[in-house]
């Protein structure tokens, strides 16, 4: 801070740059998630997160079914 209480310009600029870089990282992660989740391409983030949660539940159900089947048909 300056002696009169104002913020140092370099610190403000750094903070702004850091936020922009963080925003880009989030956008990149959202794009990766869109590629991973079936039907995720072109969804806005809030719909994508709902679709992702449904997809995770679906995968867990598949794992449970396969585990149960493997126990039933175990030699």
PDB file of N, CA and C in Angstrom:
ATOM      1  N   UNK A   1       0.833  -1.195   0.000  1.00  0.00           N
ATOM      2  CA  UNK A   1       0.000   0.000   0.000  1.00  0.00           C
ATOM      3  C   UNK A   1       0.865   1.240   0.000  1.00  0.00           C
ATOM      4  N   UNK A   2       0.333   2.264  -0.577  1.00  0.00           N
ATOM      5  CA  UNK A   2       1.014   3.559  -0.573  1.00  0.00           C
ATOM      6  C   UNK A   2       0.906   4.157   0.823  1.00  0.00           C
ATOM      7  N   UNK A   3       1.692   5.172   1.049  1.00  0.00           N
ATOM      8  CA  UNK A   3       1.670   5.807   2.364  1.00  0.00           C
ATOM      9  C   UNK A   3       0.331   6.482   2.654  1.00  0.00           C
ATOM     10  N   UNK A   4      -0.422   6.861   1.601  1.00  0.00           N
ATOM     11  CA  UNK A   4      -1.700   7.535   1.842  1.00  0.00           C
ATOM     12  C   UNK A   4      -2.885   6.560   1.833  1.00  0.00           C
ATOM     13  N   UNK A   5      -2.606   5.256   1.816  1.00  0.00           N
ATOM     14  CA  UNK A   5      -3.680   4.274   1.920  1.00  0.00           C
ATOM     15  C   UNK A   5      -4.146   3.694   0.597  1.00  0.00           C
ATOM     16  N   UNK A   6      -3.602   4.156  -0.531  1.00  0.00           N
ATOM     17  CA  UNK A   6      -4.021   3.604  -1.826  1.00  0.00           C
ATOM     18  C   UNK A   6      -3.283   2.291  -2.088  1.00  0.00           C
ATOM     19  N   UNK A   7      -3.853   1.469  -2.930  1.00  0.00           N
ATOM     20  CA  UNK A   7      -3.217   0.199  -3.264  1.00  0.00           C
ATOM     21  C   UNK A   7      -2.114   0.439  -4.285  1.00  0.00           C
ATOM     22  N   UNK A   8      -1.110  -0.361  -4.206  1.00  0.00           N
ATOM     23  CA  UNK A   8      -0.011  -0.284  -5.148  1.00  0.00           C
ATOM     24  C   UNK A   8      -0.509  -0.758  -6.511  1.00  0.00           C
ATOM     25  N   UNK A   9      -0.253  -0.002  -7.574  1.00  0.00           N
ATOM     26  CA  UNK A   9      -0.766  -0.313  -8.910  1.00  0.00           C
ATOM     27  C   UNK A   9      -0.292  -1.683  -9.383  1.00  0.00           C
ATOM     28  N   UNK A  10       0.958  -2.020  -9.116  1.00  0.00           N
ATOM     29  CA  UNK A  10       1.502  -3.305  -9.559  1.00  0.00           C
ATOM     30  C   UNK A  10       0.750  -4.463  -8.911  1.00  0.00           C
ATOM     31  N   UNK A  11       0.391  -4.329  -7.645  1.00  0.00           N
ATOM     32  CA  UNK A  11      -0.344  -5.391  -6.950  1.00  0.00           C
ATOM     33  C   UNK A  11      -1.745  -5.547  -7.519  1.00  0.00           C
ATOM     34  N   UNK A  12      -2.399  -4.446  -7.825  1.00  0.00           N
ATOM     35  CA  UNK A  12      -3.742  -4.501  -8.403  1.00  0.00           C
ATOM     36  C   UNK A  12      -3.680  -5.155  -9.772  1.00  0.00           C
ATOM     37  N   UNK A  13      -2.694  -4.767 -10.569  1.00  0.00           N
ATOM     38  CA  UNK A  13      -2.543  -5.339 -11.906  1.00  0.00           C
ATOM     39  C   UNK A  13      -2.261  -6.835 -11.808  1.00  0.00           C
ATOM     40  N   UNK A  14      -1.413  -7.249 -10.888  1.00  0.00           N
ATOM     41  CA  UNK A  14      -1.093  -8.658 -10.700  1.00  0.00           C
ATOM     42  C   UNK A  14      -2.334  -9.435 -10.289  1.00  0.00           C
ATOM     43  N   UNK A  15      -3.111  -8.883  -9.400  1.00  0.00           N
ATOM     44  CA  UNK A  15      -4.332  -9.547  -8.945  1.00  0.00           C
ATOM     45  C   UNK A  15      -5.301  -9.738 -10.102  1.00  0.00           C
ATOM     46  N   UNK A  16      -5.455  -8.722 -10.920  1.00  0.00           N
ATOM     47  CA  UNK A  16      -6.358  -8.794 -12.068  1.00  0.00           C
ATOM     48  C   UNK A  16      -5.865  -9.848 -13.060  1.00  0.00           C
ATOM     49  N   UNK A  17      -4.569  -9.870 -13.312  1.00  0.00           N
ATOM     50  CA  UNK A  17      -3.990 -10.846 -14.236  1.00  0.00           C
ATOM     51  C   UNK A  17      -4.176 -12.259 -13.702  1.00  0.00           C
ATOM     52  N   UNK A  18      -3.988 -12.422 -12.413  1.00  0.00           N
ATOM     53  CA  UNK A  18      -4.137 -13.735 -11.787  1.00  0.00           C
ATOM     54  C   UNK A  18      -5.575 -14.235 -11.929  1.00  0.00           C
ATOM     55  N   UNK A  19      -6.549 -13.352 -11.734  1.00  0.00           N
ATOM     56  CA  UNK A  19      -7.952 -13.736 -11.887  1.00  0.00           C
ATOM     57  C   UNK A  19      -8.255 -14.161 -13.310  1.00  0.00           C
ATOM     58  N   UNK A  20      -7.721 -13.425 -14.271  1.00  0.00           N
ATOM     59  CA  UNK A  20      -7.960 -13.769 -15.678  1.00  0.00           C
ATOM     60  C   UNK A  20      -7.363 -15.130 -15.998  1.00  0.00           C
ATOM     61  N   UNK A  21      -6.175 -15.383 -15.495  1.00  0.00           N
ATOM     62  CA  UNK A  21      -5.533 -16.674 -15.738  1.00  0.00           C
ATOM     63  C   UNK A  21      -6.346 -17.790 -15.096  1.00  0.00           C
ATOM     64  N   UNK A  22      -6.866 -17.549 -13.913  1.00  0.00           N
ATOM     65  CA  UNK A  22      -7.699 -18.539 -13.243  1.00  0.00           C
ATOM     66  C   UNK A  22      -8.967 -18.820 -14.014  1.00  0.00           C
ATOM     67  N   UNK A  23      -9.545 -17.793 -14.592  1.00  0.00           N
ATOM     68  CA  UNK A  23     -10.763 -17.949 -15.381  1.00  0.00           C
ATOM     69  C   UNK A  23     -10.489 -18.835 -16.591  1.00  0.00           C
ATOM     70  N   UNK A  24      -9.336 -18.642 -17.215  1.00  0.00           N
ATOM     71  CA  UNK A  24      -8.964 -19.462 -18.366  1.00  0.00           C
ATOM     72  C   UNK A  24      -8.771 -20.919 -17.984  1.00  0.00           C
ATOM     73  N   UNK A  25      -8.210 -21.150 -16.807  1.00  0.00           N
ATOM     74  CA  UNK A  25      -8.007 -22.516 -16.338  1.00  0.00           C
ATOM     75  C   UNK A  25      -9.345 -23.203 -16.098  1.00  0.00           C
ATOM     76  N   UNK A  26     -10.300 -22.475 -15.553  1.00  0.00           N
ATOM     77  CA  UNK A  26     -11.627 -23.047 -15.318  1.00  0.00           C
ATOM     78  C   UNK A  26     -12.301 -23.364 -16.644  1.00  0.00           C
ATOM     79  N   UNK A  27     -12.199 -22.458 -17.598  1.00  0.00           N
ATOM     80  CA  UNK A  27     -12.800 -22.700 -18.913  1.00  0.00           C
ATOM     81  C   UNK A  27     -12.182 -23.926 -19.574  1.00  0.00           C
ATOM     82  N   UNK A  28     -10.881 -24.098 -19.415  1.00  0.00           N
ATOM     83  CA  UNK A  28     -10.211 -25.252 -19.998  1.00  0.00           C
ATOM     84  C   UNK A  28     -10.706 -26.550 -19.343  1.00  0.00           C
ATOM     85  N   UNK A  29     -10.897 -26.525 -18.031  1.00  0.00           N
ATOM     86  CA  UNK A  29     -11.390 -27.706 -17.327  1.00  0.00           C
ATOM     87  C   UNK A  29     -12.825 -28.026 -17.720  1.00  0.00           C
ATOM     88  N   UNK A  30     -13.634 -27.001 -17.933  1.00  0.00           N
ATOM     89  CA  UNK A  30     -15.015 -27.219 -18.372  1.00  0.00           C
ATOM     90  C   UNK A  30     -15.014 -27.858 -19.752  1.00  0.00           C
ATOM     91  N   UNK A  31     -14.150 -27.407 -20.638  1.00  0.00           N
ATOM     92  CA  UNK A  31     -14.069 -27.992 -21.982  1.00  0.00           C
ATOM     93  C   UNK A  31     -13.639 -29.460 -21.919  1.00  0.00           C
ATOM     94  N   UNK A  32     -12.699 -29.780 -21.038  1.00  0.00           N
ATOM     95  CA  UNK A  32     -12.279 -31.174 -20.869  1.00  0.00           C
ATOM     96  C   UNK A  32     -13.444 -32.018 -20.358  1.00  0.00           C
ATOM     97  N   UNK A  33     -14.182 -31.470 -19.412  1.00  0.00           N
ATOM     98  CA  UNK A  33     -15.331 -32.190 -18.862  1.00  0.00           C
ATOM     99  C   UNK A  33     -16.392 -32.403 -19.932  1.00  0.00           C
ATOM    100  N   UNK A  34     -16.578 -31.427 -20.803  1.00  0.00           N
ATOM    101  CA  UNK A  34     -17.540 -31.570 -21.894  1.00  0.00           C
ATOM    102  C   UNK A  34     -17.159 -32.722 -22.812  1.00  0.00           C
ATOM    103  N   UNK A  35     -15.869 -32.945 -23.000  1.00  0.00           N
ATOM    104  CA  UNK A  35     -15.437 -34.053 -23.852  1.00  0.00           C
ATOM    105  C   UNK A  35     -15.595 -35.398 -23.152  1.00  0.00           C
ATOM    106  N   UNK A  36     -15.468 -35.423 -21.832  1.00  0.00           N
ATOM    107  CA  UNK A  36     -15.547 -36.679 -21.086  1.00  0.00           C
ATOM    108  C   UNK A  36     -16.973 -37.186 -20.912  1.00  0.00           C
ATOM    109  N   UNK A  37     -17.897 -36.284 -20.699  1.00  0.00           N
ATOM    110  CA  UNK A  37     -19.277 -36.663 -20.390  1.00  0.00           C
ATOM    111  C   UNK A  37     -20.061 -36.809 -21.693  1.00  0.00           C
ATOM    112  N   UNK A  38     -20.686 -37.966 -21.909  1.00  0.00           N
ATOM    113  CA  UNK A  38     -21.491 -38.127 -23.123  1.00  0.00           C
ATOM    114  C   UNK A  38     -22.611 -37.087 -23.185  1.00  0.00           C
ATOM    115  N   UNK A  39     -22.739 -36.440 -24.318  1.00  0.00           N
ATOM    116  CA  UNK A  39     -23.755 -35.404 -24.484  1.00  0.00           C
ATOM    117  C   UNK A  39     -23.374 -34.076 -23.861  1.00  0.00           C
ATOM    118  N   UNK A  40     -22.132 -33.948 -23.424  1.00  0.00           N
ATOM    119  CA  UNK A  40     -21.697 -32.730 -22.753  1.00  0.00           C
ATOM    120  C   UNK A  40     -21.289 -31.607 -23.680  1.00  0.00           C
ATOM    121  N   UNK A  41     -21.023 -31.924 -24.939  1.00  0.00           N
ATOM    122  CA  UNK A  41     -20.591 -30.900 -25.887  1.00  0.00           C
ATOM    123  C   UNK A  41     -21.665 -29.834 -26.047  1.00  0.00           C
ATOM    124  N   UNK A  42     -21.290 -28.602 -25.887  1.00  0.00           N
ATOM    125  CA  UNK A  42     -22.199 -27.487 -26.115  1.00  0.00           C
ATOM    126  C   UNK A  42     -23.101 -27.145 -24.944  1.00  0.00           C
ATOM    127  N   UNK A  43     -23.024 -27.896 -23.843  1.00  0.00           N
ATOM    128  CA  UNK A  43     -23.853 -27.558 -22.682  1.00  0.00           C
ATOM    129  C   UNK A  43     -23.217 -26.412 -21.910  1.00  0.00           C
ATOM    130  N   UNK A  44     -24.060 -25.557 -21.340  1.00  0.00           N
ATOM    131  CA  UNK A  44     -23.511 -24.517 -20.476  1.00  0.00           C
ATOM    132  C   UNK A  44     -23.110 -25.169 -19.151  1.00  0.00           C
ATOM    133  N   UNK A  45     -22.225 -24.548 -18.391  1.00  0.00           N
ATOM    134  CA  UNK A  45     -21.654 -25.202 -17.213  1.00  0.00           C
ATOM    135  C   UNK A  45     -22.668 -25.740 -16.204  1.00  0.00           C
ATOM    136  N   UNK A  46     -23.753 -25.020 -15.929  1.00  0.00           N
ATOM    137  CA  UNK A  46     -24.680 -25.535 -14.917  1.00  0.00           C
ATOM    138  C   UNK A  46     -25.357 -26.819 -15.388  1.00  0.00           C
ATOM    139  N   UNK A  47     -25.742 -26.892 -16.658  1.00  0.00           N
ATOM    140  CA  UNK A  47     -26.330 -28.127 -17.200  1.00  0.00           C
ATOM    141  C   UNK A  47     -25.270 -29.230 -17.287  1.00  0.00           C
ATOM    142  N   UNK A  48     -24.034 -28.835 -17.602  1.00  0.00           N
ATOM    143  CA  UNK A  48     -22.951 -29.809 -17.694  1.00  0.00           C
ATOM    144  C   UNK A  48     -22.703 -30.467 -16.343  1.00  0.00           C
ATOM    145  N   UNK A  49     -22.731 -29.692 -15.267  1.00  0.00           N
ATOM    146  CA  UNK A  49     -22.493 -30.262 -13.941  1.00  0.00           C
ATOM    147  C   UNK A  49     -23.619 -31.207 -13.541  1.00  0.00           C
ATOM    148  N   UNK A  50     -24.851 -30.879 -13.900  1.00  0.00           N
ATOM    149  CA  UNK A  50     -25.968 -31.794 -13.633  1.00  0.00           C
ATOM    150  C   UNK A  50     -25.806 -33.082 -14.437  1.00  0.00           C
ATOM    151  N   UNK A  51     -25.442 -32.949 -15.708  1.00  0.00           N
ATOM    152  CA  UNK A  51     -25.239 -34.123 -16.560  1.00  0.00           C
ATOM    153  C   UNK A  51     -24.090 -34.969 -16.015  1.00  0.00           C
ATOM    154  N   UNK A  52     -23.043 -34.321 -15.523  1.00  0.00           N
ATOM    155  CA  UNK A  52     -21.901 -35.035 -14.961  1.00  0.00           C
ATOM    156  C   UNK A  52     -22.309 -35.826 -13.728  1.00  0.00           C
ATOM    157  N   UNK A  53     -23.102 -35.217 -12.858  1.00  0.00           N
ATOM    158  CA  UNK A  53     -23.564 -35.916 -11.658  1.00  0.00           C
ATOM    159  C   UNK A  53     -24.401 -37.135 -12.045  1.00  0.00           C
ATOM    160  N   UNK A  54     -25.283 -36.987 -13.018  1.00  0.00           N
ATOM    161  CA  UNK A  54     -26.082 -38.122 -13.489  1.00  0.00           C
ATOM    162  C   UNK A  54     -25.195 -39.215 -14.075  1.00  0.00           C
ATOM    163  N   UNK A  55     -24.193 -38.807 -14.820  1.00  0.00           N
ATOM    164  CA  UNK A  55     -23.285 -39.768 -15.445  1.00  0.00           C
ATOM    165  C   UNK A  55     -22.510 -40.546 -14.384  1.00  0.00           C
ATOM    166  N   UNK A  56     -22.054 -39.870 -13.349  1.00  0.00           N
ATOM    167  CA  UNK A  56     -21.327 -40.538 -12.266  1.00  0.00           C
ATOM    168  C   UNK A  56     -22.235 -41.547 -11.571  1.00  0.00           C
ATOM    169  N   UNK A  57     -23.476 -41.161 -11.295  1.00  0.00           N
ATOM    170  CA  UNK A  57     -24.418 -42.095 -10.675  1.00  0.00           C
ATOM    171  C   UNK A  57     -24.657 -43.303 -11.575  1.00  0.00           C
ATOM    172  N   UNK A  58     -24.781 -43.065 -12.877  1.00  0.00           N
ATOM    173  CA  UNK A  58     -24.982 -44.149 -13.833  1.00  0.00           C
ATOM    174  C   UNK A  58     -23.782 -45.103 -13.836  1.00  0.00           C
ATOM    175  N   UNK A  59     -22.578 -44.561 -13.811  1.00  0.00           N
ATOM    176  CA  UNK A  59     -21.378 -45.398 -13.781  1.00  0.00           C
ATOM    177  C   UNK A  59     -21.302 -46.208 -12.491  1.00  0.00           C
ATOM    178  N   UNK A  60     -21.658 -45.598 -11.372  1.00  0.00           N
ATOM    179  CA  UNK A  60     -21.656 -46.326 -10.097  1.00  0.00           C
ATOM    180  C   UNK A  60     -22.656 -47.472 -10.126  1.00  0.00           C
ATOM    181  N   UNK A  61     -23.817 -47.232 -10.702  1.00  0.00           N
ATOM    182  CA  UNK A  61     -24.825 -48.281 -10.827  1.00  0.00           C
ATOM    183  C   UNK A  61     -24.295 -49.426 -11.678  1.00  0.00           C
ATOM    184  N   UNK A  62     -23.635 -49.106 -12.777  1.00  0.00           N
ATOM    185  CA  UNK A  62     -23.064 -50.148 -13.630  1.00  0.00           C
ATOM    186  C   UNK A  62     -22.026 -50.972 -12.877  1.00  0.00           C
ATOM    187  N   UNK A  63     -21.187 -50.316 -12.098  1.00  0.00           N
ATOM    188  CA  UNK A  63     -20.171 -51.024 -11.314  1.00  0.00           C
ATOM    189  C   UNK A  63     -20.845 -51.952 -10.313  1.00  0.00           C
ATOM    190  N   UNK A  64     -21.874 -51.464  -9.628  1.00  0.00           N
ATOM    191  CA  UNK A  64     -22.575 -52.300  -8.652  1.00  0.00           C
ATOM    192  C   UNK A  64     -23.217 -53.515  -9.311  1.00  0.00           C
ATOM    193  N   UNK A  65     -23.830 -53.321 -10.465  1.00  0.00           N
ATOM    194  CA  UNK A  65     -24.458 -54.436 -11.184  1.00  0.00           C
ATOM    195  C   UNK A  65     -23.405 -55.453 -11.600  1.00  0.00           C
ATOM    196  N   UNK A  66     -22.300 -54.987 -12.142  1.00  0.00           N
ATOM    197  CA  UNK A  66     -21.249 -55.902 -12.576  1.00  0.00           C
ATOM    198  C   UNK A  66     -20.617 -56.644 -11.402  1.00  0.00           C
ATOM    199  N   UNK A  67     -20.449 -55.969 -10.265  1.00  0.00           N
ATOM    200  CA  UNK A  67     -19.912 -56.644  -9.083  1.00  0.00           C
ATOM    201  C   UNK A  67     -20.865 -57.729  -8.603  1.00  0.00           C
ATOM    202  N   UNK A  68     -22.153 -57.428  -8.609  1.00  0.00           N
ATOM    203  CA  UNK A  68     -23.152 -58.410  -8.190  1.00  0.00           C
ATOM    204  C   UNK A  68     -23.162 -59.599  -9.140  1.00  0.00           C
ATOM    205  N   UNK A  69     -23.119 -59.335 -10.438  1.00  0.00           N
ATOM    206  CA  UNK A  69     -23.095 -60.426 -11.414  1.00  0.00           C
ATOM    207  C   UNK A  69     -21.843 -61.286 -11.270  1.00  0.00           C
ATOM    208  N   UNK A  70     -20.723 -60.656 -10.995  1.00  0.00           N
ATOM    209  CA  UNK A  70     -19.491 -61.436 -10.844  1.00  0.00           C
ATOM    210  C   UNK A  70     -19.548 -62.314  -9.596  1.00  0.00           C
ATOM    211  N   UNK A  71     -20.234 -61.874  -8.557  1.00  0.00           N
ATOM    212  CA  UNK A  71     -20.399 -62.699  -7.353  1.00  0.00           C
ATOM    213  C   UNK A  71     -21.335 -63.870  -7.624  1.00  0.00           C
ATOM    214  N   UNK A  72     -22.375 -63.625  -8.415  1.00  0.00           N
ATOM    215  CA  UNK A  72     -23.346 -64.680  -8.719  1.00  0.00           C
ATOM    216  C   UNK A  72     -22.700 -65.767  -9.575  1.00  0.00           C
ATOM    217  N   UNK A  73     -21.955 -65.371 -10.583  1.00  0.00           N
ATOM    218  CA  UNK A  73     -21.391 -66.322 -11.535  1.00  0.00           C
ATOM    219  C   UNK A  73     -19.960 -66.732 -11.218  1.00  0.00           C
ATOM    220  N   UNK A  74     -19.517 -66.467 -10.001  1.00  0.00           N
ATOM    221  CA  UNK A  74     -18.166 -66.836  -9.592  1.00  0.00           C
ATOM    222  C   UNK A  74     -18.081 -68.364  -9.501  1.00  0.00           C
ATOM    223  N   UNK A  75     -17.047 -68.970 -10.122  1.00  0.00           N
ATOM    224  CA  UNK A  75     -16.949 -70.448 -10.079  1.00  0.00           C
ATOM    225  C   UNK A  75     -16.559 -70.989  -8.728  1.00  0.00           C
TER     226      UNK A  75
END
